[in-house]
Amino acid sequence: MRVLVTGASGYVGSHAVKSLLAAGHRPRLLVRDPGRAGKALGDLGVNAEATEMYPGDMLDEAAVARALDGCDSVIHAAAALGVTDRRTDLVSVNVTGTRHVVGGAVARGLDPVIHTSTIAVFVPPAEPVITASGALAHPRTAYGRSKMAAEHYVRGLQDDGAPVTIVYPGGVLGPAQPHLDAMPAGLAAGLGIAWPLCRGGVSLLDVRDLGEALARSVEPGERPRRLLLGGHYIAWPELADLCDALTGVRCRRIPLPGPLMIALGTLLDTAKHVHGFRYPLTRDAAELMVTLVPSDDSAALDALGLTLRPVEESVADTLRWLAAAGHLRPSRAGRLAPPRST
């Protein structure tokens, strides 16, 4: 099938392209910068010439329409995260882009239409375990509100019978992130500076597993469906201990009560506007950190025939890549640091 992919220059989209090619599909990429997309794919060992590059922005409805013409399916993986960086216009990217891509695909009768959402639409959660049928939350964060608006739009298409699959990933990690952000950035900061210990935890999903899940979702004839893929849930102290065990280096720890964590995130937001530095803790990220609970992914894993790789492998590969890419000092990466050249 010819599958249009948005976000192919980014973390999730590039891995989805790799999995699509391995499955025999023909990816068409809507990208603002073909050179950047080519590099992201090349870092994964993918020849960009095996894809069709369509220069354009998903905020440009005409460009999206041209890219959709002739396609059988679409994977909408582009999004502004906004959890670790507050400088992006989240509404424009996450709502307008979704209307152009997902709405345009539905209007053309593509099947299936795959929308990459986020577990954040269920946070703060109403139940002790998040499920795909659970109640949507009322997020206070800018990221959560933008993704929620897109979520309501896409669910409206599902209610009308459109063959839309919504995938809800948790915190995505793994190697080869084109632009350091979100979970890998948090790991680098936690090991390189200090690890804030608070209540709650994080759901970790390997980007390679997510890319494979998106590719396996390209199955025509399915009813509208919602696939929850939070990943492995791990409490923050346990994640710090896991990093210690993998690196052989004890990371610095700072115990922080939940309210203080959120207050610190708010303070850092203000400081970043004044001083322009980057640290992957914002109020948005802090709220996710202290309120997230485990997810039940069993239905999605069964539907896709997918088994997630062990969390130890995902964290180790992420830290190994962070050190090799210069995002984590060798002294903090410990035994996962690249060997010294002689």
C-alpha atoms as a PDB file:
ATOM      1  CA  MET A   1       0.000   0.000   0.000  1.00  0.00           C
ATOM      2  CA  ARG A   2       1.094   3.577  -0.600  1.00  0.00           C
ATOM      3  CA  VAL A   3       1.060   5.167   2.864  1.00  0.00           C
ATOM      4  CA  LEU A   4       1.445   8.869   3.525  1.00  0.00           C
ATOM      5  CA  VAL A   5       3.486   9.531   6.665  1.00  0.00           C
ATOM      6  CA  THR A   6       3.645  12.876   8.437  1.00  0.00           C
ATOM      7  CA  GLY A   7       6.454  13.509  10.904  1.00  0.00           C
ATOM      8  CA  ALA A   8       8.974  11.372   9.030  1.00  0.00           C
ATOM      9  CA  SER A   9      11.738  13.825   9.981  1.00  0.00           C
ATOM     10  CA  GLY A  10      11.004  13.106  13.623  1.00  0.00           C
ATOM     11  CA  TYR A  11      11.414  10.338  16.117  1.00  0.00           C
ATOM     12  CA  VAL A  12       8.212   8.314  15.748  1.00  0.00           C
ATOM     13  CA  GLY A  13       7.623   9.004  12.061  1.00  0.00           C
ATOM     14  CA  SER A  14      11.095   7.912  10.940  1.00  0.00           C
ATOM     15  CA  HIS A  15      10.801   4.613  12.788  1.00  0.00           C
ATOM     16  CA  ALA A  16       7.332   4.113  11.315  1.00  0.00           C
ATOM     17  CA  VAL A  17       8.798   4.565   7.823  1.00  0.00           C
ATOM     18  CA  LYS A  18      11.446   1.950   8.530  1.00  0.00           C
ATOM     19  CA  SER A  19       8.804  -0.535   9.682  1.00  0.00           C
ATOM     20  CA  LEU A  20       6.555   0.236   6.706  1.00  0.00           C
ATOM     21  CA  LEU A  21       9.366  -0.501   4.260  1.00  0.00           C
ATOM     22  CA  ALA A  22      10.178  -3.742   6.058  1.00  0.00           C
ATOM     23  CA  ALA A  23       6.519  -4.755   5.685  1.00  0.00           C
ATOM     24  CA  GLY A  24       6.537  -4.080   1.939  1.00  0.00           C
ATOM     25  CA  HIS A  25       4.577  -0.818   1.910  1.00  0.00           C
ATOM     26  CA  ARG A  26       5.462   2.274  -0.144  1.00  0.00           C
ATOM     27  CA  PRO A  27       5.858   5.272   2.167  1.00  0.00           C
ATOM     28  CA  ARG A  28       5.183   8.766   0.877  1.00  0.00           C
ATOM     29  CA  LEU A  29       6.541  11.466   3.177  1.00  0.00           C
ATOM     30  CA  LEU A  30       5.127  14.939   3.721  1.00  0.00           C
ATOM     31  CA  VAL A  31       8.152  16.831   5.036  1.00  0.00           C
ATOM     32  CA  ARG A  32       9.149  20.459   5.361  1.00  0.00           C
ATOM     33  CA  ASP A  33      12.829  19.681   4.831  1.00  0.00           C
ATOM     34  CA  PRO A  34      13.676  16.640   2.666  1.00  0.00           C
ATOM     35  CA  GLY A  35      17.324  16.851   3.680  1.00  0.00           C
ATOM     36  CA  ARG A  36      16.455  16.643   7.352  1.00  0.00           C
ATOM     37  CA  ALA A  37      14.124  13.734   6.701  1.00  0.00           C
ATOM     38  CA  GLY A  38      16.818  11.975   4.702  1.00  0.00           C
ATOM     39  CA  LYS A  39      19.263  12.315   7.578  1.00  0.00           C
ATOM     40  CA  ALA A  40      16.751  11.010  10.134  1.00  0.00           C
ATOM     41  CA  LEU A  41      16.093   7.986   7.948  1.00  0.00           C
ATOM     42  CA  GLY A  42      19.775   7.497   7.178  1.00  0.00           C
ATOM     43  CA  ASP A  43      20.524   7.334  10.904  1.00  0.00           C
ATOM     44  CA  LEU A  44      18.198   4.318  10.981  1.00  0.00           C
ATOM     45  CA  GLY A  45      19.887   2.683   7.992  1.00  0.00           C
ATOM     46  CA  VAL A  46      17.012   3.598   5.651  1.00  0.00           C
ATOM     47  CA  ASN A  47      17.722   4.818   2.137  1.00  0.00           C
ATOM     48  CA  ALA A  48      15.553   7.909   1.591  1.00  0.00           C
ATOM     49  CA  GLU A  49      15.363   7.032  -2.110  1.00  0.00           C
ATOM     50  CA  ALA A  50      13.135   4.107  -1.145  1.00  0.00           C
ATOM     51  CA  THR A  51      10.448   6.655  -0.229  1.00  0.00           C
ATOM     52  CA  GLU A  52       8.533   9.391  -2.056  1.00  0.00           C
ATOM     53  CA  MET A  53       9.372  12.843  -0.674  1.00  0.00           C
ATOM     54  CA  TYR A  54       6.671  15.506  -0.890  1.00  0.00           C
ATOM     55  CA  PRO A  55       7.950  18.865   0.388  1.00  0.00           C
ATOM     56  CA  GLY A  56       5.260  20.695   2.333  1.00  0.00           C
ATOM     57  CA  ASP A  57       3.855  21.637   5.709  1.00  0.00           C
ATOM     58  CA  MET A  58       0.836  19.927   7.224  1.00  0.00           C
ATOM     59  CA  LEU A  59      -0.494  23.370   8.123  1.00  0.00           C
ATOM     60  CA  ASP A  60      -0.756  24.031   4.368  1.00  0.00           C
ATOM     61  CA  GLU A  61      -4.023  22.369   3.366  1.00  0.00           C
ATOM     62  CA  ALA A  62      -3.187  22.440  -0.349  1.00  0.00           C
ATOM     63  CA  ALA A  63       0.175  20.744   0.232  1.00  0.00           C
ATOM     64  CA  VAL A  64      -1.498  18.057   2.323  1.00  0.00           C
ATOM     65  CA  ALA A  65      -4.099  17.494  -0.398  1.00  0.00           C
ATOM     66  CA  ARG A  66      -1.401  16.984  -3.032  1.00  0.00           C
ATOM     67  CA  ALA A  67       0.408  14.495  -0.820  1.00  0.00           C
ATOM     68  CA  LEU A  68      -2.778  12.545  -0.049  1.00  0.00           C
ATOM     69  CA  ASP A  69      -3.771  12.145  -3.695  1.00  0.00           C
ATOM     70  CA  GLY A  70      -2.969   8.614  -4.852  1.00  0.00           C
ATOM     71  CA  CYS A  71      -2.396   7.196  -1.368  1.00  0.00           C
ATOM     72  CA  ASP A  72      -4.203   4.212   0.148  1.00  0.00           C
ATOM     73  CA  SER A  73      -3.580   4.953   3.813  1.00  0.00           C
ATOM     74  CA  VAL A  74      -2.009   7.555   6.102  1.00  0.00           C
ATOM     75  CA  ILE A  75      -0.079   7.547   9.369  1.00  0.00           C
ATOM     76  CA  HIS A  76      -0.320  10.937  11.047  1.00  0.00           C
ATOM     77  CA  ALA A  77       2.712  10.956  13.355  1.00  0.00           C
ATOM     78  CA  ALA A  78       3.615  14.647  13.294  1.00  0.00           C
ATOM     79  CA  ALA A  79       2.944  16.608  16.473  1.00  0.00           C
ATOM     80  CA  ALA A  80       4.346  19.367  18.601  1.00  0.00           C
ATOM     81  CA  LEU A  81       5.218  17.742  21.910  1.00  0.00           C
ATOM     82  CA  GLY A  82       5.239  20.869  23.999  1.00  0.00           C
ATOM     83  CA  VAL A  83       5.813  18.853  27.169  1.00  0.00           C
ATOM     84  CA  THR A  84       9.471  19.790  27.512  1.00  0.00           C
ATOM     85  CA  ASP A  85       9.432  22.970  25.394  1.00  0.00           C
ATOM     86  CA  ARG A  86       6.798  25.705  25.618  1.00  0.00           C
ATOM     87  CA  ARG A  87       7.828  27.727  22.530  1.00  0.00           C
ATOM     88  CA  THR A  88       5.663  25.947  19.951  1.00  0.00           C
ATOM     89  CA  ASP A  89       2.152  26.957  18.862  1.00  0.00           C
ATOM     90  CA  LEU A  90       0.567  23.706  19.987  1.00  0.00           C
ATOM     91  CA  VAL A  91      -2.949  24.452  18.765  1.00  0.00           C
ATOM     92  CA  SER A  92      -1.828  25.187  15.198  1.00  0.00           C
ATOM     93  CA  VAL A  93       0.209  22.027  14.894  1.00  0.00           C
ATOM     94  CA  ASN A  94      -1.821  19.522  16.875  1.00  0.00           C
ATOM     95  CA  VAL A  95      -5.314  20.652  15.875  1.00  0.00           C
ATOM     96  CA  THR A  96      -5.060  22.333  12.480  1.00  0.00           C
ATOM     97  CA  GLY A  97      -2.556  19.769  11.221  1.00  0.00           C
ATOM     98  CA  THR A  98      -4.804  16.925  12.335  1.00  0.00           C
ATOM     99  CA  ARG A  99      -7.796  18.408  10.539  1.00  0.00           C
ATOM    100  CA  HIS A 100      -5.829  18.739   7.311  1.00  0.00           C
ATOM    101  CA  VAL A 101      -4.224  15.288   7.396  1.00  0.00           C
ATOM    102  CA  VAL A 102      -6.756  13.036   9.107  1.00  0.00           C
ATOM    103  CA  GLY A 103      -9.818  14.903   7.872  1.00  0.00           C
ATOM    104  CA  GLY A 104      -8.412  15.080   4.341  1.00  0.00           C
ATOM    105  CA  ALA A 105      -7.659  11.364   4.333  1.00  0.00           C
ATOM    106  CA  VAL A 106     -11.166  10.483   5.516  1.00  0.00           C
ATOM    107  CA  ALA A 107     -12.698  12.748   2.865  1.00  0.00           C
ATOM    108  CA  ARG A 108     -10.751  10.818   0.185  1.00  0.00           C
ATOM    109  CA  GLY A 109     -11.841   7.429   1.493  1.00  0.00           C
ATOM    110  CA  LEU A 110      -8.389   6.233   2.606  1.00  0.00           C
ATOM    111  CA  ASP A 111      -8.443   3.056   4.689  1.00  0.00           C
ATOM    112  CA  PRO A 112      -7.077   2.917   7.278  1.00  0.00           C
ATOM    113  CA  VAL A 113      -6.375   6.394   8.619  1.00  0.00           C
ATOM    114  CA  ILE A 114      -4.025   6.174  11.609  1.00  0.00           C
ATOM    115  CA  HIS A 115      -3.799   9.019  14.088  1.00  0.00           C
ATOM    116  CA  THR A 116      -1.010   9.047  16.671  1.00  0.00           C
ATOM    117  CA  SER A 117      -2.454  10.522  19.848  1.00  0.00           C
ATOM    118  CA  THR A 118      -0.972  10.270  23.356  1.00  0.00           C
ATOM    119  CA  ILE A 119      -1.692   8.689  26.708  1.00  0.00           C
ATOM    120  CA  ALA A 120      -1.797  12.279  27.982  1.00  0.00           C
ATOM    121  CA  VAL A 121      -5.447  12.591  26.886  1.00  0.00           C
ATOM    122  CA  PHE A 122      -6.289  10.308  29.839  1.00  0.00           C
ATOM    123  CA  VAL A 123      -4.173  12.316  32.320  1.00  0.00           C
ATOM    124  CA  PRO A 124      -4.945  13.204  35.078  1.00  0.00           C
ATOM    125  CA  PRO A 125      -6.561   9.746  35.126  1.00  0.00           C
ATOM    126  CA  ALA A 126      -9.911   8.978  36.711  1.00  0.00           C
ATOM    127  CA  GLU A 127      -9.107   5.313  37.446  1.00  0.00           C
ATOM    128  CA  PRO A 128      -6.091   3.460  38.896  1.00  0.00           C
ATOM    129  CA  VAL A 129      -5.425   1.859  35.486  1.00  0.00           C
ATOM    130  CA  ILE A 130      -5.784   3.634  32.132  1.00  0.00           C
ATOM    131  CA  THR A 131      -7.732   1.808  29.425  1.00  0.00           C
ATOM    132  CA  ALA A 132      -8.586   2.753  25.849  1.00  0.00           C
ATOM    133  CA  SER A 133     -12.252   2.923  26.841  1.00  0.00           C
ATOM    134  CA  GLY A 134     -11.566   5.087  29.862  1.00  0.00           C
ATOM    135  CA  ALA A 135     -12.860   8.586  30.346  1.00  0.00           C
ATOM    136  CA  LEU A 136     -10.968  11.400  28.712  1.00  0.00           C
ATOM    137  CA  ALA A 137      -9.424  13.769  31.191  1.00  0.00           C
ATOM    138  CA  HIS A 138      -9.651  17.527  31.419  1.00  0.00           C
ATOM    139  CA  PRO A 139      -5.973  18.431  31.132  1.00  0.00           C
ATOM    140  CA  ARG A 140      -4.751  21.751  32.407  1.00  0.00           C
ATOM    141  CA  THR A 141      -1.540  21.690  30.387  1.00  0.00           C
ATOM    142  CA  ALA A 142      -1.190  23.406  27.019  1.00  0.00           C
ATOM    143  CA  TYR A 143       0.015  20.176  25.442  1.00  0.00           C
ATOM    144  CA  GLY A 144      -2.860  18.186  26.899  1.00  0.00           C
ATOM    145  CA  ARG A 145      -5.472  20.715  25.803  1.00  0.00           C
ATOM    146  CA  SER A 146      -4.159  20.822  22.221  1.00  0.00           C
ATOM    147  CA  LYS A 147      -4.063  17.044  21.943  1.00  0.00           C
ATOM    148  CA  MET A 148      -7.514  16.828  23.521  1.00  0.00           C
ATOM    149  CA  ALA A 149      -8.965  19.149  20.902  1.00  0.00           C
ATOM    150  CA  ALA A 150      -7.462  16.974  18.163  1.00  0.00           C
ATOM    151  CA  GLU A 151      -8.744  13.892  19.978  1.00  0.00           C
ATOM    152  CA  HIS A 152     -12.336  15.123  20.008  1.00  0.00           C
ATOM    153  CA  TYR A 153     -12.121  15.926  16.303  1.00  0.00           C
ATOM    154  CA  VAL A 154     -10.774  12.475  15.364  1.00  0.00           C
ATOM    155  CA  ARG A 155     -13.269  10.680  17.613  1.00  0.00           C
ATOM    156  CA  GLY A 156     -16.017  12.581  15.843  1.00  0.00           C
ATOM    157  CA  LEU A 157     -14.812  11.055  12.566  1.00  0.00           C
ATOM    158  CA  GLN A 158     -14.856   7.622  14.196  1.00  0.00           C
ATOM    159  CA  ASP A 159     -18.419   8.208  15.419  1.00  0.00           C
ATOM    160  CA  ASP A 160     -19.398   8.833  11.792  1.00  0.00           C
ATOM    161  CA  GLY A 161     -17.970   5.418  10.880  1.00  0.00           C
ATOM    162  CA  ALA A 162     -14.665   6.527   9.334  1.00  0.00           C
ATOM    163  CA  PRO A 163     -11.966   3.788   9.373  1.00  0.00           C
ATOM    164  CA  VAL A 164      -9.758   5.710  11.785  1.00  0.00           C
ATOM    165  CA  THR A 165      -7.380   3.981  14.190  1.00  0.00           C
ATOM    166  CA  ILE A 166      -6.176   6.054  17.133  1.00  0.00           C
ATOM    167  CA  VAL A 167      -2.933   4.946  18.818  1.00  0.00           C
ATOM    168  CA  TYR A 168      -2.132   6.196  22.333  1.00  0.00           C
ATOM    169  CA  PRO A 169       1.600   5.838  23.104  1.00  0.00           C
ATOM    170  CA  GLY A 170       3.199   6.514  26.462  1.00  0.00           C
ATOM    171  CA  GLY A 171       6.631   8.058  27.011  1.00  0.00           C
ATOM    172  CA  VAL A 172       8.627   7.185  23.902  1.00  0.00           C
ATOM    173  CA  LEU A 173      12.318   6.337  24.247  1.00  0.00           C
ATOM    174  CA  GLY A 174      15.014   4.495  22.356  1.00  0.00           C
ATOM    175  CA  PRO A 175      17.981   5.334  20.122  1.00  0.00           C
ATOM    176  CA  ALA A 176      18.392   7.783  17.242  1.00  0.00           C
ATOM    177  CA  GLN A 177      16.179  10.709  18.196  1.00  0.00           C
ATOM    178  CA  PRO A 178      16.661  13.408  15.527  1.00  0.00           C
ATOM    179  CA  HIS A 179      16.017  16.266  17.959  1.00  0.00           C
ATOM    180  CA  LEU A 180      16.557  15.622  21.659  1.00  0.00           C
ATOM    181  CA  ASP A 181      13.243  16.042  23.447  1.00  0.00           C
ATOM    182  CA  ALA A 182      10.727  14.431  25.816  1.00  0.00           C
ATOM    183  CA  MET A 183      11.718  11.140  27.484  1.00  0.00           C
ATOM    184  CA  PRO A 184      15.297  10.837  26.158  1.00  0.00           C
ATOM    185  CA  ALA A 185      15.923  14.453  27.181  1.00  0.00           C
ATOM    186  CA  GLY A 186      14.543  13.670  30.627  1.00  0.00           C
ATOM    187  CA  LEU A 187      16.868  10.699  30.991  1.00  0.00           C
ATOM    188  CA  ALA A 188      19.863  12.795  29.958  1.00  0.00           C
ATOM    189  CA  ALA A 189      18.964  15.513  32.464  1.00  0.00           C
ATOM    190  CA  GLY A 190      18.216  13.050  35.237  1.00  0.00           C
ATOM    191  CA  LEU A 191      21.566  11.302  34.920  1.00  0.00           C
ATOM    192  CA  GLY A 192      23.583  14.363  33.955  1.00  0.00           C
ATOM    193  CA  ILE A 193      22.223  16.818  36.521  1.00  0.00           C
ATOM    194  CA  ALA A 194      19.893  15.289  39.111  1.00  0.00           C
ATOM    195  CA  TRP A 195      16.999  12.853  39.269  1.00  0.00           C
ATOM    196  CA  PRO A 196      13.853  14.328  40.846  1.00  0.00           C
ATOM    197  CA  LEU A 197      12.086  11.657  42.887  1.00  0.00           C
ATOM    198  CA  CYS A 198       8.358  12.158  43.304  1.00  0.00           C
ATOM    199  CA  ARG A 199       5.174  10.140  43.495  1.00  0.00           C
ATOM    200  CA  GLY A 200       3.823   8.719  40.253  1.00  0.00           C
ATOM    201  CA  GLY A 201       5.813   7.203  37.454  1.00  0.00           C
ATOM    202  CA  VAL A 202       6.180   6.918  33.707  1.00  0.00           C
ATOM    203  CA  SER A 203       5.019   4.562  30.974  1.00  0.00           C
ATOM    204  CA  LEU A 204       7.968   3.754  28.708  1.00  0.00           C
ATOM    205  CA  LEU A 205       7.413   2.655  25.116  1.00  0.00           C
ATOM    206  CA  ASP A 206      10.324   1.869  22.826  1.00  0.00           C
ATOM    207  CA  VAL A 207      10.185   3.929  19.630  1.00  0.00           C
ATOM    208  CA  ARG A 208      11.030   0.819  17.610  1.00  0.00           C
ATOM    209  CA  ASP A 209       8.001  -0.970  19.054  1.00  0.00           C
ATOM    210  CA  LEU A 210       5.814   2.054  18.343  1.00  0.00           C
ATOM    211  CA  GLY A 211       7.053   2.253  14.759  1.00  0.00           C
ATOM    212  CA  GLU A 212       6.239  -1.423  14.309  1.00  0.00           C
ATOM    213  CA  ALA A 213       2.802  -0.943  15.888  1.00  0.00           C
ATOM    214  CA  LEU A 214       1.965   1.885  13.506  1.00  0.00           C
ATOM    215  CA  ALA A 215       3.063  -0.172  10.499  1.00  0.00           C
ATOM    216  CA  ARG A 216       1.001  -3.158  11.654  1.00  0.00           C
ATOM    217  CA  SER A 217      -2.005  -0.854  12.017  1.00  0.00           C
ATOM    218  CA  VAL A 218      -2.011  -0.398   8.231  1.00  0.00           C
ATOM    219  CA  GLU A 219      -4.674  -3.024   7.733  1.00  0.00           C
ATOM    220  CA  PRO A 220      -7.688  -2.057   5.599  1.00  0.00           C
ATOM    221  CA  GLY A 221     -11.224  -3.113   6.440  1.00  0.00           C
ATOM    222  CA  GLU A 222     -10.989  -2.622  10.200  1.00  0.00           C
ATOM    223  CA  ARG A 223     -13.719  -0.836  12.141  1.00  0.00           C
ATOM    224  CA  PRO A 224     -12.823   2.397  13.951  1.00  0.00           C
ATOM    225  CA  ARG A 225     -10.561   1.374  16.817  1.00  0.00           C
ATOM    226  CA  ARG A 226      -8.512   2.767  19.680  1.00  0.00           C
ATOM    227  CA  LEU A 227      -5.211   1.129  20.588  1.00  0.00           C
ATOM    228  CA  LEU A 228      -3.605   1.970  23.922  1.00  0.00           C
ATOM    229  CA  LEU A 229       0.178   1.428  24.005  1.00  0.00           C
ATOM    230  CA  GLY A 230       1.405   3.056  27.181  1.00  0.00           C
ATOM    231  CA  GLY A 231       4.267   0.607  27.539  1.00  0.00           C
ATOM    232  CA  HIS A 232       6.063  -0.485  30.704  1.00  0.00           C
ATOM    233  CA  TYR A 233       5.003   1.496  33.787  1.00  0.00           C
ATOM    234  CA  ILE A 234       7.793   2.181  36.259  1.00  0.00           C
ATOM    235  CA  ALA A 235       7.877   4.397  39.350  1.00  0.00           C
ATOM    236  CA  TRP A 236      10.444   7.180  39.375  1.00  0.00           C
ATOM    237  CA  PRO A 237      12.670   5.733  42.139  1.00  0.00           C
ATOM    238  CA  GLU A 238      12.656   2.381  40.319  1.00  0.00           C
ATOM    239  CA  LEU A 239      13.708   4.064  37.063  1.00  0.00           C
ATOM    240  CA  ALA A 240      16.579   5.802  38.856  1.00  0.00           C
ATOM    241  CA  ASP A 241      17.656   2.460  40.317  1.00  0.00           C
ATOM    242  CA  LEU A 242      17.457   0.830  36.870  1.00  0.00           C
ATOM    243  CA  CYS A 243      19.696   3.526  35.375  1.00  0.00           C
ATOM    244  CA  ASP A 244      22.181   3.002  38.211  1.00  0.00           C
ATOM    245  CA  ALA A 245      22.243  -0.734  37.537  1.00  0.00           C
ATOM    246  CA  LEU A 246      22.714  -0.283  33.788  1.00  0.00           C
ATOM    247  CA  THR A 247      25.448   2.348  33.972  1.00  0.00           C
ATOM    248  CA  GLY A 248      27.184   1.278  37.164  1.00  0.00           C
ATOM    249  CA  VAL A 249      27.067   4.933  38.252  1.00  0.00           C
ATOM    250  CA  ARG A 250      24.747   6.220  40.962  1.00  0.00           C
ATOM    251  CA  CYS A 251      22.785   9.238  39.738  1.00  0.00           C
ATOM    252  CA  ARG A 252      22.086  12.176  42.016  1.00  0.00           C
ATOM    253  CA  ARG A 253      18.618  12.097  43.567  1.00  0.00           C
ATOM    254  CA  ILE A 254      16.412  14.941  44.829  1.00  0.00           C
ATOM    255  CA  PRO A 255      13.202  13.906  46.646  1.00  0.00           C
ATOM    256  CA  LEU A 256      10.399  16.274  45.656  1.00  0.00           C
ATOM    257  CA  PRO A 257       6.739  16.124  46.793  1.00  0.00           C
ATOM    258  CA  GLY A 258       4.223  16.325  43.944  1.00  0.00           C
ATOM    259  CA  PRO A 259       3.072  19.930  44.596  1.00  0.00           C
ATOM    260  CA  LEU A 260       6.688  21.087  44.839  1.00  0.00           C
ATOM    261  CA  MET A 261       7.511  19.312  41.567  1.00  0.00           C
ATOM    262  CA  ILE A 262       4.709  21.167  39.782  1.00  0.00           C
ATOM    263  CA  ALA A 263       5.780  24.457  41.375  1.00  0.00           C
ATOM    264  CA  LEU A 264       9.364  23.846  40.235  1.00  0.00           C
ATOM    265  CA  GLY A 265       8.179  23.160  36.698  1.00  0.00           C
ATOM    266  CA  THR A 266       6.220  26.421  36.714  1.00  0.00           C
ATOM    267  CA  LEU A 267       9.264  28.319  37.997  1.00  0.00           C
ATOM    268  CA  LEU A 268      11.493  26.808  35.317  1.00  0.00           C
ATOM    269  CA  ASP A 269       8.976  27.817  32.633  1.00  0.00           C
ATOM    270  CA  THR A 270       9.338  31.429  33.732  1.00  0.00           C
ATOM    271  CA  ALA A 271      13.126  31.217  33.974  1.00  0.00           C
ATOM    272  CA  LYS A 272      13.404  29.770  30.448  1.00  0.00           C
ATOM    273  CA  HIS A 273      11.532  32.734  28.993  1.00  0.00           C
ATOM    274  CA  VAL A 274      13.993  35.097  30.694  1.00  0.00           C
ATOM    275  CA  HIS A 275      17.282  33.241  30.302  1.00  0.00           C
ATOM    276  CA  GLY A 276      16.605  30.972  27.299  1.00  0.00           C
ATOM    277  CA  PHE A 277      18.149  27.803  28.753  1.00  0.00           C
ATOM    278  CA  ARG A 278      16.776  24.297  28.174  1.00  0.00           C
ATOM    279  CA  TYR A 279      15.909  21.795  30.879  1.00  0.00           C
ATOM    280  CA  PRO A 280      13.239  19.156  30.210  1.00  0.00           C
ATOM    281  CA  LEU A 281      11.064  19.949  33.215  1.00  0.00           C
ATOM    282  CA  THR A 282       8.035  22.142  32.658  1.00  0.00           C
ATOM    283  CA  ARG A 283       4.761  22.423  34.480  1.00  0.00           C
ATOM    284  CA  ASP A 284       3.229  20.226  31.783  1.00  0.00           C
ATOM    285  CA  ALA A 285       5.868  17.527  32.266  1.00  0.00           C
ATOM    286  CA  ALA A 286       5.654  17.775  36.056  1.00  0.00           C
ATOM    287  CA  GLU A 287       1.907  17.196  36.069  1.00  0.00           C
ATOM    288  CA  LEU A 288       2.308  14.107  33.887  1.00  0.00           C
ATOM    289  CA  MET A 289       5.104  12.850  36.138  1.00  0.00           C
ATOM    290  CA  VAL A 290       3.128  12.954  39.374  1.00  0.00           C
ATOM    291  CA  THR A 291      -0.306  11.825  38.137  1.00  0.00           C
ATOM    292  CA  LEU A 292       0.328   9.064  35.583  1.00  0.00           C
ATOM    293  CA  VAL A 293      -0.798   5.511  36.448  1.00  0.00           C
ATOM    294  CA  PRO A 294      -0.273   2.174  34.638  1.00  0.00           C
ATOM    295  CA  SER A 295      -2.101   1.367  31.403  1.00  0.00           C
ATOM    296  CA  ASP A 296      -3.727  -1.844  30.198  1.00  0.00           C
ATOM    297  CA  ASP A 297      -2.234  -2.430  26.740  1.00  0.00           C
ATOM    298  CA  SER A 298      -3.341  -6.042  26.351  1.00  0.00           C
ATOM    299  CA  ALA A 299      -6.086  -5.417  23.783  1.00  0.00           C
ATOM    300  CA  ALA A 300      -3.782  -3.433  21.483  1.00  0.00           C
ATOM    301  CA  LEU A 301      -0.923  -5.912  21.789  1.00  0.00           C
ATOM    302  CA  ASP A 302      -3.261  -8.792  20.954  1.00  0.00           C
ATOM    303  CA  ALA A 303      -4.821  -6.928  18.010  1.00  0.00           C
ATOM    304  CA  LEU A 304      -1.400  -6.156  16.518  1.00  0.00           C
ATOM    305  CA  GLY A 305       0.313  -9.415  17.461  1.00  0.00           C
ATOM    306  CA  LEU A 306       3.013  -7.340  19.139  1.00  0.00           C
ATOM    307  CA  THR A 307       5.305  -8.085  22.062  1.00  0.00           C
ATOM    308  CA  LEU A 308       7.120  -5.145  23.645  1.00  0.00           C
ATOM    309  CA  ARG A 309      10.846  -5.489  24.169  1.00  0.00           C
ATOM    310  CA  PRO A 310      12.033  -5.472  27.815  1.00  0.00           C
ATOM    311  CA  VAL A 311      12.215  -2.051  29.441  1.00  0.00           C
ATOM    312  CA  GLU A 312      15.830  -2.747  30.454  1.00  0.00           C
ATOM    313  CA  GLU A 313      16.786  -3.055  26.790  1.00  0.00           C
ATOM    314  CA  SER A 314      14.992   0.159  25.853  1.00  0.00           C
ATOM    315  CA  VAL A 315      16.557   2.196  28.653  1.00  0.00           C
ATOM    316  CA  ALA A 316      20.029   0.779  28.010  1.00  0.00           C
ATOM    317  CA  ASP A 317      19.845   1.486  24.275  1.00  0.00           C
ATOM    318  CA  THR A 318      18.606   5.028  24.983  1.00  0.00           C
ATOM    319  CA  LEU A 319      21.415   5.791  27.411  1.00  0.00           C
ATOM    320  CA  ARG A 320      23.995   4.203  25.113  1.00  0.00           C
ATOM    321  CA  TRP A 321      22.800   6.406  22.237  1.00  0.00           C
ATOM    322  CA  LEU A 322      22.649   9.535  24.418  1.00  0.00           C
ATOM    323  CA  ALA A 323      26.301   9.014  25.352  1.00  0.00           C
ATOM    324  CA  ALA A 324      27.403   8.253  21.787  1.00  0.00           C
ATOM    325  CA  ALA A 325      25.579  11.336  20.475  1.00  0.00           C
ATOM    326  CA  GLY A 326      27.206  13.603  23.072  1.00  0.00           C
ATOM    327  CA  HIS A 327      24.037  14.255  25.106  1.00  0.00           C
ATOM    328  CA  LEU A 328      25.341  12.414  28.174  1.00  0.00           C
ATOM    329  CA  ARG A 329      28.833  12.667  29.613  1.00  0.00           C
ATOM    330  CA  PRO A 330      30.816   9.405  29.580  1.00  0.00           C
ATOM    331  CA  SER A 331      31.315   9.691  33.339  1.00  0.00           C
ATOM    332  CA  ARG A 332      27.519   9.593  33.826  1.00  0.00           C
ATOM    333  CA  ALA A 333      26.920   6.891  31.202  1.00  0.00           C
ATOM    334  CA  GLY A 334      29.406   4.588  32.927  1.00  0.00           C
ATOM    335  CA  ARG A 335      29.674   1.182  31.296  1.00  0.00           C
ATOM    336  CA  LEU A 336      27.258   2.304  28.530  1.00  0.00           C
ATOM    337  CA  ALA A 337      29.636   5.033  27.322  1.00  0.00           C
ATOM    338  CA  PRO A 338      31.282   4.440  23.953  1.00  0.00           C
ATOM    339  CA  PRO A 339      34.811   3.023  24.165  1.00  0.00           C
ATOM    340  CA  ARG A 340      37.567   5.604  24.182  1.00  0.00           C
ATOM    341  CA  SER A 341      39.435   5.954  20.928  1.00  0.00           C
ATOM    342  CA  THR A 342      43.132   5.161  21.071  1.00  0.00           C
END
